[in-house]
Each structure stands twice: as structure tokens, then as C-alpha cells.
Amino acid sequence: CELQDADCGFLCYEAEPHIPMKTL
């Protein structure tokens, strides 16, 4: 819930599916 309130909130995850940090 706290991550949802951010301009840019995310989780770091090594498995698929994921997106590159630069793209986000």
C-alpha cells in the first residue's frame, strides 16, 4: 500500500515477468 502512494514504487524481482529498471 505504501509503495502504491509513491511517484515511482516498485519491487526488485529476479524471476519473470519483470522489466528493466531503466525502462521503469
mmCIF file of all heavy atoms, coordinates in Angstrom:
data_MODEL
# 
_entry.id   MODEL 
# 
loop_
_atom_site.group_PDB 
_atom_site.id 
_atom_site.type_symbol 
_atom_site.label_atom_id 
_atom_site.label_alt_id 
_atom_site.label_comp_id 
_atom_site.label_asym_id 
_atom_site.label_entity_id 
_atom_site.label_seq_id 
_atom_site.pdbx_PDB_ins_code 
_atom_site.Cartn_x 
_atom_site.Cartn_y 
_atom_site.Cartn_z 
_atom_site.occupancy 
_atom_site.B_iso_or_equiv 
_atom_site.pdbx_formal_charge 
_atom_site.auth_seq_id 
_atom_site.auth_comp_id 
_atom_site.auth_asym_id 
_atom_site.auth_atom_id 
_atom_site.pdbx_PDB_model_num 
ATOM 1   N N   . CYS A 1 1  ? 0.831  -1.212  0.000   1.00 0.00 ? 1  CYS A N   1 
ATOM 2   C CA  . CYS A 1 1  ? 0.000  0.000   0.000   1.00 0.00 ? 1  CYS A CA  1 
ATOM 3   C C   . CYS A 1 1  ? 0.862  1.256   0.000   1.00 0.00 ? 1  CYS A C   1 
ATOM 4   O O   . CYS A 1 1  ? 0.545  2.241   -0.680  1.00 0.00 ? 1  CYS A O   1 
ATOM 5   C CB  . CYS A 1 1  ? -0.932 -0.001  1.203   1.00 0.00 ? 1  CYS A CB  1 
ATOM 6   S SG  . CYS A 1 1  ? -2.173 -1.309  1.186   1.00 0.00 ? 1  CYS A SG  1 
ATOM 7   N N   . GLU A 1 2  ? 1.951  1.243   0.754   1.00 0.00 ? 2  GLU A N   1 
ATOM 8   C CA  . GLU A 1 2  ? 2.819  2.414   0.811   1.00 0.00 ? 2  GLU A CA  1 
ATOM 9   C C   . GLU A 1 2  ? 3.572  2.603   -0.503  1.00 0.00 ? 2  GLU A C   1 
ATOM 10  O O   . GLU A 1 2  ? 3.807  3.742   -0.931  1.00 0.00 ? 2  GLU A O   1 
ATOM 11  C CB  . GLU A 1 2  ? 3.779  2.301   1.992   1.00 0.00 ? 2  GLU A CB  1 
ATOM 12  C CG  . GLU A 1 2  ? 3.058  2.311   3.344   1.00 0.00 ? 2  GLU A CG  1 
ATOM 13  C CD  . GLU A 1 2  ? 3.973  2.651   4.501   1.00 0.00 ? 2  GLU A CD  1 
ATOM 14  O OE1 . GLU A 1 2  ? 5.174  2.906   4.281   1.00 0.00 ? 2  GLU A OE1 1 
ATOM 15  O OE2 . GLU A 1 2  ? 3.477  2.657   5.646   1.00 0.00 ? 2  GLU A OE2 1 
ATOM 16  N N   . LEU A 1 3  ? 3.930  1.514   -1.148  1.00 0.00 ? 3  LEU A N   1 
ATOM 17  C CA  . LEU A 1 3  ? 4.582  1.637   -2.452  1.00 0.00 ? 3  LEU A CA  1 
ATOM 18  C C   . LEU A 1 3  ? 3.644  2.250   -3.489  1.00 0.00 ? 3  LEU A C   1 
ATOM 19  O O   . LEU A 1 3  ? 4.076  3.014   -4.369  1.00 0.00 ? 3  LEU A O   1 
ATOM 20  C CB  . LEU A 1 3  ? 5.054  0.272   -2.950  1.00 0.00 ? 3  LEU A CB  1 
ATOM 21  C CG  . LEU A 1 3  ? 6.197  -0.427  -2.198  1.00 0.00 ? 3  LEU A CG  1 
ATOM 22  C CD1 . LEU A 1 3  ? 6.587  -1.715  -2.932  1.00 0.00 ? 3  LEU A CD1 1 
ATOM 23  C CD2 . LEU A 1 3  ? 7.408  0.468   -2.040  1.00 0.00 ? 3  LEU A CD2 1 
ATOM 24  N N   . GLN A 1 4  ? 2.361  1.930   -3.389  1.00 0.00 ? 4  GLN A N   1 
ATOM 25  C CA  . GLN A 1 4  ? 1.387  2.462   -4.348  1.00 0.00 ? 4  GLN A CA  1 
ATOM 26  C C   . GLN A 1 4  ? 1.268  3.980   -4.282  1.00 0.00 ? 4  GLN A C   1 
ATOM 27  O O   . GLN A 1 4  ? 0.893  4.621   -5.264  1.00 0.00 ? 4  GLN A O   1 
ATOM 28  C CB  . GLN A 1 4  ? 0.010  1.836   -4.090  1.00 0.00 ? 4  GLN A CB  1 
ATOM 29  C CG  . GLN A 1 4  ? -0.104 0.378   -4.510  1.00 0.00 ? 4  GLN A CG  1 
ATOM 30  C CD  . GLN A 1 4  ? -1.459 -0.196  -4.150  1.00 0.00 ? 4  GLN A CD  1 
ATOM 31  O OE1 . GLN A 1 4  ? -1.902 -0.130  -3.006  1.00 0.00 ? 4  GLN A OE1 1 
ATOM 32  N NE2 . GLN A 1 4  ? -2.140 -0.758  -5.137  1.00 0.00 ? 4  GLN A NE2 1 
ATOM 33  N N   . ASP A 1 5  ? 1.606  4.571   -3.136  1.00 0.00 ? 5  ASP A N   1 
ATOM 34  C CA  . ASP A 1 5  ? 1.463  6.016   -2.958  1.00 0.00 ? 5  ASP A CA  1 
ATOM 35  C C   . ASP A 1 5  ? 2.640  6.813   -3.523  1.00 0.00 ? 5  ASP A C   1 
ATOM 36  O O   . ASP A 1 5  ? 2.604  8.042   -3.526  1.00 0.00 ? 5  ASP A O   1 
ATOM 37  C CB  . ASP A 1 5  ? 1.313  6.354   -1.465  1.00 0.00 ? 5  ASP A CB  1 
ATOM 38  C CG  . ASP A 1 5  ? -0.002 5.848   -0.887  1.00 0.00 ? 5  ASP A CG  1 
ATOM 39  O OD1 . ASP A 1 5  ? -0.972 5.700   -1.668  1.00 0.00 ? 5  ASP A OD1 1 
ATOM 40  O OD2 . ASP A 1 5  ? -0.071 5.608   0.335   1.00 0.00 ? 5  ASP A OD2 1 
ATOM 41  N N   . ALA A 1 6  ? 3.680  6.133   -3.982  1.00 0.00 ? 6  ALA A N   1 
ATOM 42  C CA  . ALA A 1 6  ? 4.877  6.822   -4.463  1.00 0.00 ? 6  ALA A CA  1 
ATOM 43  C C   . ALA A 1 6  ? 4.748  7.247   -5.917  1.00 0.00 ? 6  ALA A C   1 
ATOM 44  O O   . ALA A 1 6  ? 3.955  6.685   -6.681  1.00 0.00 ? 6  ALA A O   1 
ATOM 45  C CB  . ALA A 1 6  ? 6.096  5.911   -4.297  1.00 0.00 ? 6  ALA A CB  1 
ATOM 46  N N   . ASP A 1 7  ? 5.539  8.250   -6.313  1.00 0.00 ? 7  ASP A N   1 
ATOM 47  C CA  . ASP A 1 7  ? 5.653  8.587   -7.739  1.00 0.00 ? 7  ASP A CA  1 
ATOM 48  C C   . ASP A 1 7  ? 6.178  7.384   -8.516  1.00 0.00 ? 7  ASP A C   1 
ATOM 49  O O   . ASP A 1 7  ? 5.758  7.116   -9.643  1.00 0.00 ? 7  ASP A O   1 
ATOM 50  C CB  . ASP A 1 7  ? 6.630  9.756   -7.943  1.00 0.00 ? 7  ASP A CB  1 
ATOM 51  C CG  . ASP A 1 7  ? 6.143  11.048  -7.341  1.00 0.00 ? 7  ASP A CG  1 
ATOM 52  O OD1 . ASP A 1 7  ? 4.929  11.175  -7.099  1.00 0.00 ? 7  ASP A OD1 1 
ATOM 53  O OD2 . ASP A 1 7  ? 6.980  11.942  -7.114  1.00 0.00 ? 7  ASP A OD2 1 
ATOM 54  N N   . CYS A 1 8  ? 7.127  6.684   -7.889  1.00 0.00 ? 8  CYS A N   1 
ATOM 55  C CA  . CYS A 1 8  ? 7.744  5.531   -8.531  1.00 0.00 ? 8  CYS A CA  1 
ATOM 56  C C   . CYS A 1 8  ? 7.967  4.452   -7.471  1.00 0.00 ? 8  CYS A C   1 
ATOM 57  O O   . CYS A 1 8  ? 8.965  4.462   -6.748  1.00 0.00 ? 8  CYS A O   1 
ATOM 58  C CB  . CYS A 1 8  ? 9.076  5.918   -9.179  1.00 0.00 ? 8  CYS A CB  1 
ATOM 59  S SG  . CYS A 1 8  ? 9.872  4.564   -10.096 1.00 0.00 ? 8  CYS A SG  1 
ATOM 60  N N   . GLY A 1 9  ? 7.003  3.536   -7.355  1.00 0.00 ? 9  GLY A N   1 
ATOM 61  C CA  . GLY A 1 9  ? 7.095  2.453   -6.394  1.00 0.00 ? 9  GLY A CA  1 
ATOM 62  C C   . GLY A 1 9  ? 7.245  1.126   -7.119  1.00 0.00 ? 9  GLY A C   1 
ATOM 63  O O   . GLY A 1 9  ? 6.558  0.889   -8.121  1.00 0.00 ? 9  GLY A O   1 
ATOM 64  N N   . PHE A 1 10 ? 8.126  0.270   -6.637  1.00 0.00 ? 10 PHE A N   1 
ATOM 65  C CA  . PHE A 1 10 ? 8.360  -0.993  -7.341  1.00 0.00 ? 10 PHE A CA  1 
ATOM 66  C C   . PHE A 1 10 ? 9.005  -2.018  -6.416  1.00 0.00 ? 10 PHE A C   1 
ATOM 67  O O   . PHE A 1 10 ? 9.469  -1.699  -5.315  1.00 0.00 ? 10 PHE A O   1 
ATOM 68  C CB  . PHE A 1 10 ? 9.240  -0.769  -8.570  1.00 0.00 ? 10 PHE A CB  1 
ATOM 69  C CG  . PHE A 1 10 ? 10.595 -0.168  -8.278  1.00 0.00 ? 10 PHE A CG  1 
ATOM 70  C CD1 . PHE A 1 10 ? 11.721 -0.969  -8.148  1.00 0.00 ? 10 PHE A CD1 1 
ATOM 71  C CD2 . PHE A 1 10 ? 10.744 1.212   -8.150  1.00 0.00 ? 10 PHE A CD2 1 
ATOM 72  C CE1 . PHE A 1 10 ? 12.964 -0.413  -7.896  1.00 0.00 ? 10 PHE A CE1 1 
ATOM 73  C CE2 . PHE A 1 10 ? 11.989 1.777   -7.897  1.00 0.00 ? 10 PHE A CE2 1 
ATOM 74  C CZ  . PHE A 1 10 ? 13.100 0.971   -7.767  1.00 0.00 ? 10 PHE A CZ  1 
ATOM 75  N N   . LEU A 1 11 ? 9.033  -3.269  -6.874  1.00 0.00 ? 11 LEU A N   1 
ATOM 76  C CA  . LEU A 1 11 ? 9.701  -4.360  -6.174  1.00 0.00 ? 11 LEU A CA  1 
ATOM 77  C C   . LEU A 1 11 ? 10.812 -4.896  -7.069  1.00 0.00 ? 11 LEU A C   1 
ATOM 78  O O   . LEU A 1 11 ? 10.649 -4.953  -8.296  1.00 0.00 ? 11 LEU A O   1 
ATOM 79  C CB  . LEU A 1 11 ? 8.733  -5.496  -5.837  1.00 0.00 ? 11 LEU A CB  1 
ATOM 80  C CG  . LEU A 1 11 ? 7.596  -5.197  -4.856  1.00 0.00 ? 11 LEU A CG  1 
ATOM 81  C CD1 . LEU A 1 11 ? 6.431  -4.511  -5.558  1.00 0.00 ? 11 LEU A CD1 1 
ATOM 82  C CD2 . LEU A 1 11 ? 7.127  -6.475  -4.164  1.00 0.00 ? 11 LEU A CD2 1 
ATOM 83  N N   . CYS A 1 12 ? 11.910 -5.283  -6.482  1.00 0.00 ? 12 CYS A N   1 
ATOM 84  C CA  . CYS A 1 12 ? 13.001 -5.879  -7.246  1.00 0.00 ? 12 CYS A CA  1 
ATOM 85  C C   . CYS A 1 12 ? 12.808 -7.388  -7.258  1.00 0.00 ? 12 CYS A C   1 
ATOM 86  O O   . CYS A 1 12 ? 12.673 -8.024  -6.212  1.00 0.00 ? 12 CYS A O   1 
ATOM 87  C CB  . CYS A 1 12 ? 14.342 -5.502  -6.620  1.00 0.00 ? 12 CYS A CB  1 
ATOM 88  S SG  . CYS A 1 12 ? 14.661 -3.731  -6.688  1.00 0.00 ? 12 CYS A SG  1 
ATOM 89  N N   . TYR A 1 13 ? 12.806 -7.964  -8.471  1.00 0.00 ? 13 TYR A N   1 
ATOM 90  C CA  . TYR A 1 13 ? 12.402 -9.361  -8.642  1.00 0.00 ? 13 TYR A CA  1 
ATOM 91  C C   . TYR A 1 13 ? 13.230 -9.989  -9.745  1.00 0.00 ? 13 TYR A C   1 
ATOM 92  O O   . TYR A 1 13 ? 13.297 -9.464  -10.863 1.00 0.00 ? 13 TYR A O   1 
ATOM 93  C CB  . TYR A 1 13 ? 10.918 -9.394  -8.998  1.00 0.00 ? 13 TYR A CB  1 
ATOM 94  C CG  . TYR A 1 13 ? 10.274 -10.763 -9.028  1.00 0.00 ? 13 TYR A CG  1 
ATOM 95  C CD1 . TYR A 1 13 ? 10.311 -11.606 -7.922  1.00 0.00 ? 13 TYR A CD1 1 
ATOM 96  C CD2 . TYR A 1 13 ? 9.593  -11.190 -10.163 1.00 0.00 ? 13 TYR A CD2 1 
ATOM 97  C CE1 . TYR A 1 13 ? 9.698  -12.844 -7.947  1.00 0.00 ? 13 TYR A CE1 1 
ATOM 98  C CE2 . TYR A 1 13 ? 8.965  -12.430 -10.191 1.00 0.00 ? 13 TYR A CE2 1 
ATOM 99  C CZ  . TYR A 1 13 ? 9.022  -13.258 -9.080  1.00 0.00 ? 13 TYR A CZ  1 
ATOM 100 O OH  . TYR A 1 13 ? 8.409  -14.484 -9.099  1.00 0.00 ? 13 TYR A OH  1 
ATOM 101 N N   . GLU A 1 14 ? 13.877 -11.119 -9.418  1.00 0.00 ? 14 GLU A N   1 
ATOM 102 C CA  . GLU A 1 14 ? 14.796 -11.707 -10.385 1.00 0.00 ? 14 GLU A CA  1 
ATOM 103 C C   . GLU A 1 14 ? 14.128 -12.627 -11.398 1.00 0.00 ? 14 GLU A C   1 
ATOM 104 O O   . GLU A 1 14 ? 14.701 -12.933 -12.442 1.00 0.00 ? 14 GLU A O   1 
ATOM 105 C CB  . GLU A 1 14 ? 15.896 -12.491 -9.647  1.00 0.00 ? 14 GLU A CB  1 
ATOM 106 C CG  . GLU A 1 14 ? 15.458 -13.780 -8.968  1.00 0.00 ? 14 GLU A CG  1 
ATOM 107 C CD  . GLU A 1 14 ? 14.877 -13.541 -7.580  1.00 0.00 ? 14 GLU A CD  1 
ATOM 108 O OE1 . GLU A 1 14 ? 14.647 -12.359 -7.215  1.00 0.00 ? 14 GLU A OE1 1 
ATOM 109 O OE2 . GLU A 1 14 ? 14.650 -14.535 -6.865  1.00 0.00 ? 14 GLU A OE2 1 
ATOM 110 N N   . ALA A 1 15 ? 12.913 -13.090 -11.103 1.00 0.00 ? 15 ALA A N   1 
ATOM 111 C CA  . ALA A 1 15 ? 12.242 -14.035 -11.997 1.00 0.00 ? 15 ALA A CA  1 
ATOM 112 C C   . ALA A 1 15 ? 11.350 -13.294 -12.998 1.00 0.00 ? 15 ALA A C   1 
ATOM 113 O O   . ALA A 1 15 ? 11.048 -12.118 -12.841 1.00 0.00 ? 15 ALA A O   1 
ATOM 114 C CB  . ALA A 1 15 ? 11.414 -15.035 -11.187 1.00 0.00 ? 15 ALA A CB  1 
ATOM 115 N N   . GLU A 1 16 ? 10.939 -13.980 -14.025 1.00 0.00 ? 16 GLU A N   1 
ATOM 116 C CA  . GLU A 1 16 ? 9.992  -13.408 -14.990 1.00 0.00 ? 16 GLU A CA  1 
ATOM 117 C C   . GLU A 1 16 ? 8.579  -13.486 -14.415 1.00 0.00 ? 16 GLU A C   1 
ATOM 118 O O   . GLU A 1 16 ? 8.280  -14.387 -13.627 1.00 0.00 ? 16 GLU A O   1 
ATOM 119 C CB  . GLU A 1 16 ? 10.050 -14.188 -16.307 1.00 0.00 ? 16 GLU A CB  1 
ATOM 120 C CG  . GLU A 1 16 ? 11.370 -14.059 -17.047 1.00 0.00 ? 16 GLU A CG  1 
ATOM 121 C CD  . GLU A 1 16 ? 11.569 -12.692 -17.693 1.00 0.00 ? 16 GLU A CD  1 
ATOM 122 O OE1 . GLU A 1 16 ? 10.616 -11.879 -17.666 1.00 0.00 ? 16 GLU A OE1 1 
ATOM 123 O OE2 . GLU A 1 16 ? 12.649 -12.450 -18.217 1.00 0.00 ? 16 GLU A OE2 1 
ATOM 124 N N   . PRO A 1 17 ? 7.695  -12.549 -14.789 1.00 0.00 ? 17 PRO A N   1 
ATOM 125 C CA  . PRO A 1 17 ? 7.942  -11.411 -15.675 1.00 0.00 ? 17 PRO A CA  1 
ATOM 126 C C   . PRO A 1 17 ? 8.494  -10.221 -14.891 1.00 0.00 ? 17 PRO A C   1 
ATOM 127 O O   . PRO A 1 17 ? 8.119  -9.993  -13.745 1.00 0.00 ? 17 PRO A O   1 
ATOM 128 C CB  . PRO A 1 17 ? 6.555  -11.102 -16.222 1.00 0.00 ? 17 PRO A CB  1 
ATOM 129 C CG  . PRO A 1 17 ? 5.639  -11.473 -15.092 1.00 0.00 ? 17 PRO A CG  1 
ATOM 130 C CD  . PRO A 1 17 ? 6.268  -12.654 -14.410 1.00 0.00 ? 17 PRO A CD  1 
ATOM 131 N N   . HIS A 1 18 ? 9.390  -9.475  -15.510 1.00 0.00 ? 18 HIS A N   1 
ATOM 132 C CA  . HIS A 1 18 ? 9.898  -8.251  -14.905 1.00 0.00 ? 18 HIS A CA  1 
ATOM 133 C C   . HIS A 1 18 ? 10.310 -7.292  -16.028 1.00 0.00 ? 18 HIS A C   1 
ATOM 134 O O   . HIS A 1 18 ? 10.362 -7.665  -17.195 1.00 0.00 ? 18 HIS A O   1 
ATOM 135 C CB  . HIS A 1 18 ? 11.060 -8.533  -13.954 1.00 0.00 ? 18 HIS A CB  1 
ATOM 136 C CG  . HIS A 1 18 ? 12.204 -9.264  -14.592 1.00 0.00 ? 18 HIS A CG  1 
ATOM 137 N ND1 . HIS A 1 18 ? 12.970 -10.181 -13.921 1.00 0.00 ? 18 HIS A ND1 1 
ATOM 138 C CD2 . HIS A 1 18 ? 12.747 -9.218  -15.843 1.00 0.00 ? 18 HIS A CD2 1 
ATOM 139 C CE1 . HIS A 1 18 ? 13.909 -10.664 -14.711 1.00 0.00 ? 18 HIS A CE1 1 
ATOM 140 N NE2 . HIS A 1 18 ? 13.788 -10.100 -15.884 1.00 0.00 ? 18 HIS A NE2 1 
ATOM 141 N N   . ILE A 1 19 ? 10.587 -6.052  -15.640 1.00 0.00 ? 19 ILE A N   1 
ATOM 142 C CA  . ILE A 1 19 ? 11.016 -5.047  -16.614 1.00 0.00 ? 19 ILE A CA  1 
ATOM 143 C C   . ILE A 1 19 ? 12.352 -4.469  -16.159 1.00 0.00 ? 19 ILE A C   1 
ATOM 144 O O   . ILE A 1 19 ? 12.658 -4.470  -14.959 1.00 0.00 ? 19 ILE A O   1 
ATOM 145 C CB  . ILE A 1 19 ? 9.976  -3.918  -16.795 1.00 0.00 ? 19 ILE A CB  1 
ATOM 146 C CG1 . ILE A 1 19 ? 9.786  -3.135  -15.484 1.00 0.00 ? 19 ILE A CG1 1 
ATOM 147 C CG2 . ILE A 1 19 ? 8.656  -4.465  -17.285 1.00 0.00 ? 19 ILE A CG2 1 
ATOM 148 C CD1 . ILE A 1 19 ? 8.924  -1.910  -15.631 1.00 0.00 ? 19 ILE A CD1 1 
ATOM 149 N N   . PRO A 1 20 ? 13.155 -3.965  -17.082 1.00 0.00 ? 20 PRO A N   1 
ATOM 150 C CA  . PRO A 1 20 ? 14.423 -3.341  -16.693 1.00 0.00 ? 20 PRO A CA  1 
ATOM 151 C C   . PRO A 1 20 ? 14.183 -2.073  -15.865 1.00 0.00 ? 20 PRO A C   1 
ATOM 152 O O   . PRO A 1 20 ? 13.219 -1.333  -16.103 1.00 0.00 ? 20 PRO A O   1 
ATOM 153 C CB  . PRO A 1 20 ? 15.081 -3.008  -18.035 1.00 0.00 ? 20 PRO A CB  1 
ATOM 154 C CG  . PRO A 1 20 ? 14.419 -3.892  -19.031 1.00 0.00 ? 20 PRO A CG  1 
ATOM 155 C CD  . PRO A 1 20 ? 13.008 -4.051  -18.545 1.00 0.00 ? 20 PRO A CD  1 
ATOM 156 N N   . MET A 1 21 ? 15.050 -1.823  -14.915 1.00 0.00 ? 21 MET A N   1 
ATOM 157 C CA  . MET A 1 21 ? 14.912 -0.650  -14.067 1.00 0.00 ? 21 MET A CA  1 
ATOM 158 C C   . MET A 1 21 ? 14.954 0.639   -14.884 1.00 0.00 ? 21 MET A C   1 
ATOM 159 O O   . MET A 1 21 ? 14.195 1.576   -14.636 1.00 0.00 ? 21 MET A O   1 
ATOM 160 C CB  . MET A 1 21 ? 16.025 -0.651  -13.011 1.00 0.00 ? 21 MET A CB  1 
ATOM 161 C CG  . MET A 1 21 ? 15.902 0.442   -11.975 1.00 0.00 ? 21 MET A CG  1 
ATOM 162 S SD  . MET A 1 21 ? 16.868 0.079   -10.471 1.00 0.00 ? 21 MET A SD  1 
ATOM 163 C CE  . MET A 1 21 ? 18.471 -0.309  -11.181 1.00 0.00 ? 21 MET A CE  1 
ATOM 164 N N   . LYS A 1 22 ? 15.817 0.705   -15.882 1.00 0.00 ? 22 LYS A N   1 
ATOM 165 C CA  . LYS A 1 22 ? 15.916 1.902   -16.714 1.00 0.00 ? 22 LYS A CA  1 
ATOM 166 C C   . LYS A 1 22 ? 14.608 2.192   -17.423 1.00 0.00 ? 22 LYS A C   1 
ATOM 167 O O   . LYS A 1 22 ? 14.188 3.352   -17.545 1.00 0.00 ? 22 LYS A O   1 
ATOM 168 C CB  . LYS A 1 22 ? 17.048 1.739   -17.730 1.00 0.00 ? 22 LYS A CB  1 
ATOM 169 C CG  . LYS A 1 22 ? 17.251 2.948   -18.621 1.00 0.00 ? 22 LYS A CG  1 
ATOM 170 C CD  . LYS A 1 22 ? 18.402 2.731   -19.593 1.00 0.00 ? 22 LYS A CD  1 
ATOM 171 C CE  . LYS A 1 22 ? 18.582 3.942   -20.492 1.00 0.00 ? 22 LYS A CE  1 
ATOM 172 N NZ  . LYS A 1 22 ? 19.706 3.750   -21.460 1.00 0.00 ? 22 LYS A NZ  1 
ATOM 173 N N   . THR A 1 23 ? 13.929 1.136   -17.882 1.00 0.00 ? 23 THR A N   1 
ATOM 174 C CA  . THR A 1 23 ? 12.643 1.319   -18.563 1.00 0.00 ? 23 THR A CA  1 
ATOM 175 C C   . THR A 1 23 ? 11.618 1.927   -17.624 1.00 0.00 ? 23 THR A C   1 
ATOM 176 O O   . THR A 1 23 ? 10.892 2.864   -17.987 1.00 0.00 ? 23 THR A O   1 
ATOM 177 C CB  . THR A 1 23 ? 12.129 -0.039  -19.085 1.00 0.00 ? 23 THR A CB  1 
ATOM 178 O OG1 . THR A 1 23 ? 13.068 -0.568  -20.014 1.00 0.00 ? 23 THR A OG1 1 
ATOM 179 C CG2 . THR A 1 23 ? 10.767 0.118   -19.756 1.00 0.00 ? 23 THR A CG2 1 
ATOM 180 N N   . LEU A 1 24 ? 11.562 1.420   -16.391 1.00 0.00 ? 24 LEU A N   1 
ATOM 181 C CA  . LEU A 1 24 ? 10.615 1.956   -15.410 1.00 0.00 ? 24 LEU A CA  1 
ATOM 182 C C   . LEU A 1 24 ? 10.897 3.421   -15.129 1.00 0.00 ? 24 LEU A C   1 
ATOM 183 O O   . LEU A 1 24 ? 9.981  4.253   -15.142 1.00 0.00 ? 24 LEU A O   1 
ATOM 184 C CB  . LEU A 1 24 ? 10.700 1.155   -14.111 1.00 0.00 ? 24 LEU A CB  1 
ATOM 185 C CG  . LEU A 1 24 ? 9.863  1.717   -12.950 1.00 0.00 ? 24 LEU A CG  1 
ATOM 186 C CD1 . LEU A 1 24 ? 8.377  1.580   -13.242 1.00 0.00 ? 24 LEU A CD1 1 
ATOM 187 C CD2 . LEU A 1 24 ? 10.224 1.032   -11.640 1.00 0.00 ? 24 LEU A CD2 1 
# 
